Amino acid sequence: STEPDALRPLLARRGALLAAGDVR
């Protein structure tokens, strides 16, 4: 759940790898 102007995406995918979280 993110705002339209969020600083960064919270989800990512790379082939069979999935990531969820807040990373700076």
PDB file of all heavy atoms in Angstrom:
ATOM      1  N   SER A   1       0.864  -1.179   0.000  1.00  0.00           N
ATOM      2  CA  SER A   1       0.000   0.000   0.000  1.00  0.00           C
ATOM      3  C   SER A   1       0.895   1.221   0.000  1.00  0.00           C
ATOM      4  O   SER A   1       1.617   1.474   0.964  1.00  0.00           O
ATOM      5  CB  SER A   1      -0.892  -0.004   1.250  1.00  0.00           C
ATOM      6  OG  SER A   1      -1.609   1.209   1.351  1.00  0.00           O
ATOM      7  N   THR A   2       0.899   1.972  -1.085  1.00  0.00           N
ATOM      8  CA  THR A   2       1.777   3.134  -1.199  1.00  0.00           C
ATOM      9  C   THR A   2       1.002   4.339  -1.724  1.00  0.00           C
ATOM     10  O   THR A   2      -0.028   4.202  -2.384  1.00  0.00           O
ATOM     11  CB  THR A   2       2.954   2.862  -2.158  1.00  0.00           C
ATOM     12  OG1 THR A   2       2.435   2.538  -3.447  1.00  0.00           O
ATOM     13  CG2 THR A   2       3.811   1.722  -1.655  1.00  0.00           C
ATOM     14  N   GLU A   3       1.525   5.522  -1.438  1.00  0.00           N
ATOM     15  CA  GLU A   3       0.953   6.757  -1.963  1.00  0.00           C
ATOM     16  C   GLU A   3       1.399   6.933  -3.410  1.00  0.00           C
ATOM     17  O   GLU A   3       2.448   6.408  -3.825  1.00  0.00           O
ATOM     18  CB  GLU A   3       1.404   7.945  -1.129  1.00  0.00           C
ATOM     19  CG  GLU A   3       0.936   7.891   0.314  1.00  0.00           C
ATOM     20  CD  GLU A   3       1.389   9.111   1.106  1.00  0.00           C
ATOM     21  OE1 GLU A   3       2.068   9.981   0.518  1.00  0.00           O
ATOM     22  OE2 GLU A   3       1.069   9.183   2.297  1.00  0.00           O
ATOM     23  N   PRO A   4       0.647   7.708  -4.207  1.00  0.00           N
ATOM     24  CA  PRO A   4       1.040   7.926  -5.608  1.00  0.00           C
ATOM     25  C   PRO A   4       2.438   8.535  -5.754  1.00  0.00           C
ATOM     26  O   PRO A   4       3.131   8.282  -6.730  1.00  0.00           O
ATOM     27  CB  PRO A   4      -0.050   8.876  -6.116  1.00  0.00           C
ATOM     28  CG  PRO A   4      -1.228   8.619  -5.227  1.00  0.00           C
ATOM     29  CD  PRO A   4      -0.652   8.316  -3.887  1.00  0.00           C
ATOM     30  N   ASP A   5       2.844   9.370  -4.777  1.00  0.00           N
ATOM     31  CA  ASP A   5       4.154  10.015  -4.858  1.00  0.00           C
ATOM     32  C   ASP A   5       5.162   9.366  -3.919  1.00  0.00           C
ATOM     33  O   ASP A   5       6.044  10.033  -3.381  1.00  0.00           O
ATOM     34  CB  ASP A   5       4.037  11.510  -4.544  1.00  0.00           C
ATOM     35  CG  ASP A   5       3.457  11.769  -3.155  1.00  0.00           C
ATOM     36  OD1 ASP A   5       2.919  10.821  -2.546  1.00  0.00           O
ATOM     37  OD2 ASP A   5       3.542  12.921  -2.681  1.00  0.00           O
ATOM     38  N   ALA A   6       5.043   8.055  -3.725  1.00  0.00           N
ATOM     39  CA  ALA A   6       5.943   7.341  -2.816  1.00  0.00           C
ATOM     40  C   ALA A   6       7.398   7.503  -3.254  1.00  0.00           C
ATOM     41  O   ALA A   6       7.701   7.664  -4.440  1.00  0.00           O
ATOM     42  CB  ALA A   6       5.578   5.865  -2.771  1.00  0.00           C
ATOM     43  N   LEU A   7       8.298   7.483  -2.288  1.00  0.00           N
ATOM     44  CA  LEU A   7       9.721   7.685  -2.573  1.00  0.00           C
ATOM     45  C   LEU A   7      10.320   6.536  -3.361  1.00  0.00           C
ATOM     46  O   LEU A   7      11.302   6.718  -4.081  1.00  0.00           O
ATOM     47  CB  LEU A   7      10.498   7.857  -1.266  1.00  0.00           C
ATOM     48  CG  LEU A   7      10.217   9.127  -0.467  1.00  0.00           C
ATOM     49  CD1 LEU A   7      10.996   9.110   0.843  1.00  0.00           C
ATOM     50  CD2 LEU A   7      10.571  10.363  -1.280  1.00  0.00           C
ATOM     51  N   ARG A   8       9.753   5.325  -3.220  1.00  0.00           N
ATOM     52  CA  ARG A   8      10.362   4.157  -3.875  1.00  0.00           C
ATOM     53  C   ARG A   8       9.332   3.037  -3.981  1.00  0.00           C
ATOM     54  O   ARG A   8       8.374   2.992  -3.195  1.00  0.00           O
ATOM     55  CB  ARG A   8      11.574   3.681  -3.075  1.00  0.00           C
ATOM     56  CG  ARG A   8      11.239   3.197  -1.679  1.00  0.00           C
ATOM     57  CD  ARG A   8      12.484   2.833  -0.899  1.00  0.00           C
ATOM     58  NE  ARG A   8      13.309   3.997  -0.650  1.00  0.00           N
ATOM     59  CZ  ARG A   8      13.160   4.795   0.422  1.00  0.00           C
ATOM     60  NH1 ARG A   8      12.209   4.550   1.312  1.00  0.00           N
ATOM     61  NH2 ARG A   8      13.951   5.834   0.598  1.00  0.00           N
ATOM     62  N   PRO A   9       9.528   2.115  -4.918  1.00  0.00           N
ATOM     63  CA  PRO A   9       8.638   0.948  -4.987  1.00  0.00           C
ATOM     64  C   PRO A   9       8.909   0.016  -3.816  1.00  0.00           C
ATOM     65  O   PRO A   9      10.024  -0.054  -3.289  1.00  0.00           O
ATOM     66  CB  PRO A   9       9.001   0.304  -6.323  1.00  0.00           C
ATOM     67  CG  PRO A   9      10.414   0.733  -6.583  1.00  0.00           C
ATOM     68  CD  PRO A   9      10.526   2.120  -6.002  1.00  0.00           C
ATOM     69  N   LEU A  10       7.900  -0.736  -3.416  1.00  0.00           N
ATOM     70  CA  LEU A  10       8.013  -1.664  -2.300  1.00  0.00           C
ATOM     71  C   LEU A  10       8.017  -3.122  -2.759  1.00  0.00           C
ATOM     72  O   LEU A  10       8.157  -4.021  -1.928  1.00  0.00           O
ATOM     73  CB  LEU A  10       6.869  -1.443  -1.310  1.00  0.00           C
ATOM     74  CG  LEU A  10       6.746  -0.035  -0.717  1.00  0.00           C
ATOM     75  CD1 LEU A  10       5.563   0.029   0.247  1.00  0.00           C
ATOM     76  CD2 LEU A  10       8.033   0.380  -0.026  1.00  0.00           C
ATOM     77  N   LEU A  11       7.866  -3.357  -4.055  1.00  0.00           N
ATOM     78  CA  LEU A  11       7.853  -4.707  -4.600  1.00  0.00           C
ATOM     79  C   LEU A  11       8.787  -4.778  -5.798  1.00  0.00           C
ATOM     80  O   LEU A  11       8.963  -3.787  -6.523  1.00  0.00           O
ATOM     81  CB  LEU A  11       6.440  -5.110  -5.036  1.00  0.00           C
ATOM     82  CG  LEU A  11       5.329  -5.071  -3.976  1.00  0.00           C
ATOM     83  CD1 LEU A  11       3.983  -5.376  -4.627  1.00  0.00           C
ATOM     84  CD2 LEU A  11       5.621  -6.052  -2.863  1.00  0.00           C
ATOM     85  N   ALA A  12       9.397  -5.946  -6.009  1.00  0.00           N
ATOM     86  CA  ALA A  12      10.263  -6.141  -7.170  1.00  0.00           C
ATOM     87  C   ALA A  12      10.269  -7.613  -7.549  1.00  0.00           C
ATOM     88  O   ALA A  12      10.017  -8.488  -6.719  1.00  0.00           O
ATOM     89  CB  ALA A  12      11.687  -5.667  -6.869  1.00  0.00           C
ATOM     90  N   ARG A  13      10.585  -7.863  -8.825  1.00  0.00           N
ATOM     91  CA  ARG A  13      10.626  -9.242  -9.309  1.00  0.00           C
ATOM     92  C   ARG A  13      11.789  -9.390 -10.279  1.00  0.00           C
ATOM     93  O   ARG A  13      12.069  -8.492 -11.087  1.00  0.00           O
ATOM     94  CB  ARG A  13       9.317  -9.604 -10.000  1.00  0.00           C
ATOM     95  CG  ARG A  13       9.224 -11.066 -10.413  1.00  0.00           C
ATOM     96  CD  ARG A  13       7.808 -11.448 -10.768  1.00  0.00           C
ATOM     97  NE  ARG A  13       7.627 -12.886 -10.720  1.00  0.00           N
ATOM     98  CZ  ARG A  13       6.464 -13.485 -10.553  1.00  0.00           C
ATOM     99  NH1 ARG A  13       5.370 -12.758 -10.407  1.00  0.00           N
ATOM    100  NH2 ARG A  13       6.390 -14.800 -10.525  1.00  0.00           N
ATOM    101  N   ARG A  14      12.486 -10.503 -10.168  1.00  0.00           N
ATOM    102  CA  ARG A  14      13.594 -10.811 -11.076  1.00  0.00           C
ATOM    103  C   ARG A  14      13.571 -12.310 -11.323  1.00  0.00           C
ATOM    104  O   ARG A  14      14.099 -13.085 -10.530  1.00  0.00           O
ATOM    105  CB  ARG A  14      14.922 -10.371 -10.460  1.00  0.00           C
ATOM    106  CG  ARG A  14      16.137 -10.528 -11.365  1.00  0.00           C
ATOM    107  CD  ARG A  14      17.409 -10.165 -10.603  1.00  0.00           C
ATOM    108  NE  ARG A  14      18.596 -10.266 -11.420  1.00  0.00           N
ATOM    109  CZ  ARG A  14      19.143  -9.269 -12.110  1.00  0.00           C
ATOM    110  NH1 ARG A  14      18.581  -8.064 -12.058  1.00  0.00           N
ATOM    111  NH2 ARG A  14      20.246  -9.449 -12.842  1.00  0.00           N
ATOM    112  N   GLY A  15      12.924 -12.734 -12.370  1.00  0.00           N
ATOM    113  CA  GLY A  15      12.767 -14.155 -12.643  1.00  0.00           C
ATOM    114  C   GLY A  15      11.988 -14.833 -11.531  1.00  0.00           C
ATOM    115  O   GLY A  15      10.860 -14.436 -11.208  1.00  0.00           O
ATOM    116  N   ALA A  16      12.592 -15.844 -10.926  1.00  0.00           N
ATOM    117  CA  ALA A  16      11.924 -16.567  -9.838  1.00  0.00           C
ATOM    118  C   ALA A  16      12.119 -15.898  -8.487  1.00  0.00           C
ATOM    119  O   ALA A  16      11.646 -16.421  -7.472  1.00  0.00           O
ATOM    120  CB  ALA A  16      12.436 -18.007  -9.789  1.00  0.00           C
ATOM    121  N   LEU A  17      12.805 -14.771  -8.460  1.00  0.00           N
ATOM    122  CA  LEU A  17      13.025 -14.042  -7.207  1.00  0.00           C
ATOM    123  C   LEU A  17      12.006 -12.923  -7.057  1.00  0.00           C
ATOM    124  O   LEU A  17      11.795 -12.134  -7.987  1.00  0.00           O
ATOM    125  CB  LEU A  17      14.438 -13.443  -7.178  1.00  0.00           C
ATOM    126  CG  LEU A  17      15.618 -14.418  -7.228  1.00  0.00           C
ATOM    127  CD1 LEU A  17      16.925 -13.641  -7.294  1.00  0.00           C
ATOM    128  CD2 LEU A  17      15.596 -15.330  -5.999  1.00  0.00           C
ATOM    129  N   LEU A  18      11.386 -12.858  -5.880  1.00  0.00           N
ATOM    130  CA  LEU A  18      10.441 -11.789  -5.567  1.00  0.00           C
ATOM    131  C   LEU A  18      10.889 -11.102  -4.284  1.00  0.00           C
ATOM    132  O   LEU A  18      11.416 -11.751  -3.376  1.00  0.00           O
ATOM    133  CB  LEU A  18       9.020 -12.343  -5.377  1.00  0.00           C
ATOM    134  CG  LEU A  18       8.232 -12.715  -6.642  1.00  0.00           C
ATOM    135  CD1 LEU A  18       8.726 -14.043  -7.197  1.00  0.00           C
ATOM    136  CD2 LEU A  18       6.741 -12.816  -6.320  1.00  0.00           C
ATOM    137  N   ALA A  19      10.694  -9.815  -4.211  1.00  0.00           N
ATOM    138  CA  ALA A  19      11.070  -9.055  -3.023  1.00  0.00           C
ATOM    139  C   ALA A  19       9.945  -8.111  -2.647  1.00  0.00           C
ATOM    140  O   ALA A  19       9.279  -7.532  -3.509  1.00  0.00           O
ATOM    141  CB  ALA A  19      12.354  -8.269  -3.265  1.00  0.00           C
ATOM    142  N   ALA A  20       9.748  -7.971  -1.342  1.00  0.00           N
ATOM    143  CA  ALA A  20       8.760  -7.030  -0.811  1.00  0.00           C
ATOM    144  C   ALA A  20       9.369  -6.355   0.407  1.00  0.00           C
ATOM    145  O   ALA A  20       9.943  -7.020   1.274  1.00  0.00           O
ATOM    146  CB  ALA A  20       7.468  -7.756  -0.427  1.00  0.00           C
ATOM    147  N   GLY A  21       9.264  -5.048   0.474  1.00  0.00           N
ATOM    148  CA  GLY A  21       9.791  -4.343   1.637  1.00  0.00           C
ATOM    149  C   GLY A  21      10.198  -2.922   1.304  1.00  0.00           C
ATOM    150  O   GLY A  21      10.072  -2.456   0.172  1.00  0.00           O
ATOM    151  N   ASP A  22      10.683  -2.242   2.318  1.00  0.00           N
ATOM    152  CA  ASP A  22      11.114  -0.855   2.190  1.00  0.00           C
ATOM    153  C   ASP A  22      12.627  -0.817   2.369  1.00  0.00           C
ATOM    154  O   ASP A  22      13.141  -1.167   3.438  1.00  0.00           O
ATOM    155  CB  ASP A  22      10.420  -0.003   3.259  1.00  0.00           C
ATOM    156  CG  ASP A  22      10.532   1.483   2.988  1.00  0.00           C
ATOM    157  OD1 ASP A  22      11.183   1.858   1.994  1.00  0.00           O
ATOM    158  OD2 ASP A  22       9.977   2.275   3.777  1.00  0.00           O
ATOM    159  N   VAL A  23      13.343  -0.401   1.335  1.00  0.00           N
ATOM    160  CA  VAL A  23      14.806  -0.454   1.337  1.00  0.00           C
ATOM    161  C   VAL A  23      15.381   0.900   0.929  1.00  0.00           C
ATOM    162  O   VAL A  23      15.084   1.402  -0.159  1.00  0.00           O
ATOM    163  CB  VAL A  23      15.335  -1.537   0.368  1.00  0.00           C
ATOM    164  CG1 VAL A  23      16.861  -1.587   0.408  1.00  0.00           C
ATOM    165  CG2 VAL A  23      14.749  -2.899   0.707  1.00  0.00           C
ATOM    166  N   ARG A  24      16.195   1.485   1.807  1.00  0.00           N
ATOM    167  CA  ARG A  24      16.978   2.685   1.478  1.00  0.00           C
ATOM    168  C   ARG A  24      18.428   2.371   1.805  1.00  0.00           C
ATOM    169  O   ARG A  24      18.792   2.181   2.959  1.00  0.00           O
ATOM    170  CB  ARG A  24      16.518   3.896   2.290  1.00  0.00           C
ATOM    171  CG  ARG A  24      17.197   5.208   1.854  1.00  0.00           C
ATOM    172  CD  ARG A  24      17.167   6.255   2.926  1.00  0.00           C
ATOM    173  NE  ARG A  24      17.877   5.846   4.132  1.00  0.00           N
ATOM    174  CZ  ARG A  24      19.196   5.859   4.261  1.00  0.00           C
ATOM    175  NH1 ARG A  24      19.972   6.219   3.250  1.00  0.00           N
ATOM    176  NH2 ARG A  24      19.758   5.466   5.399  1.00  0.00           N
TER     177      ARG A  24
END
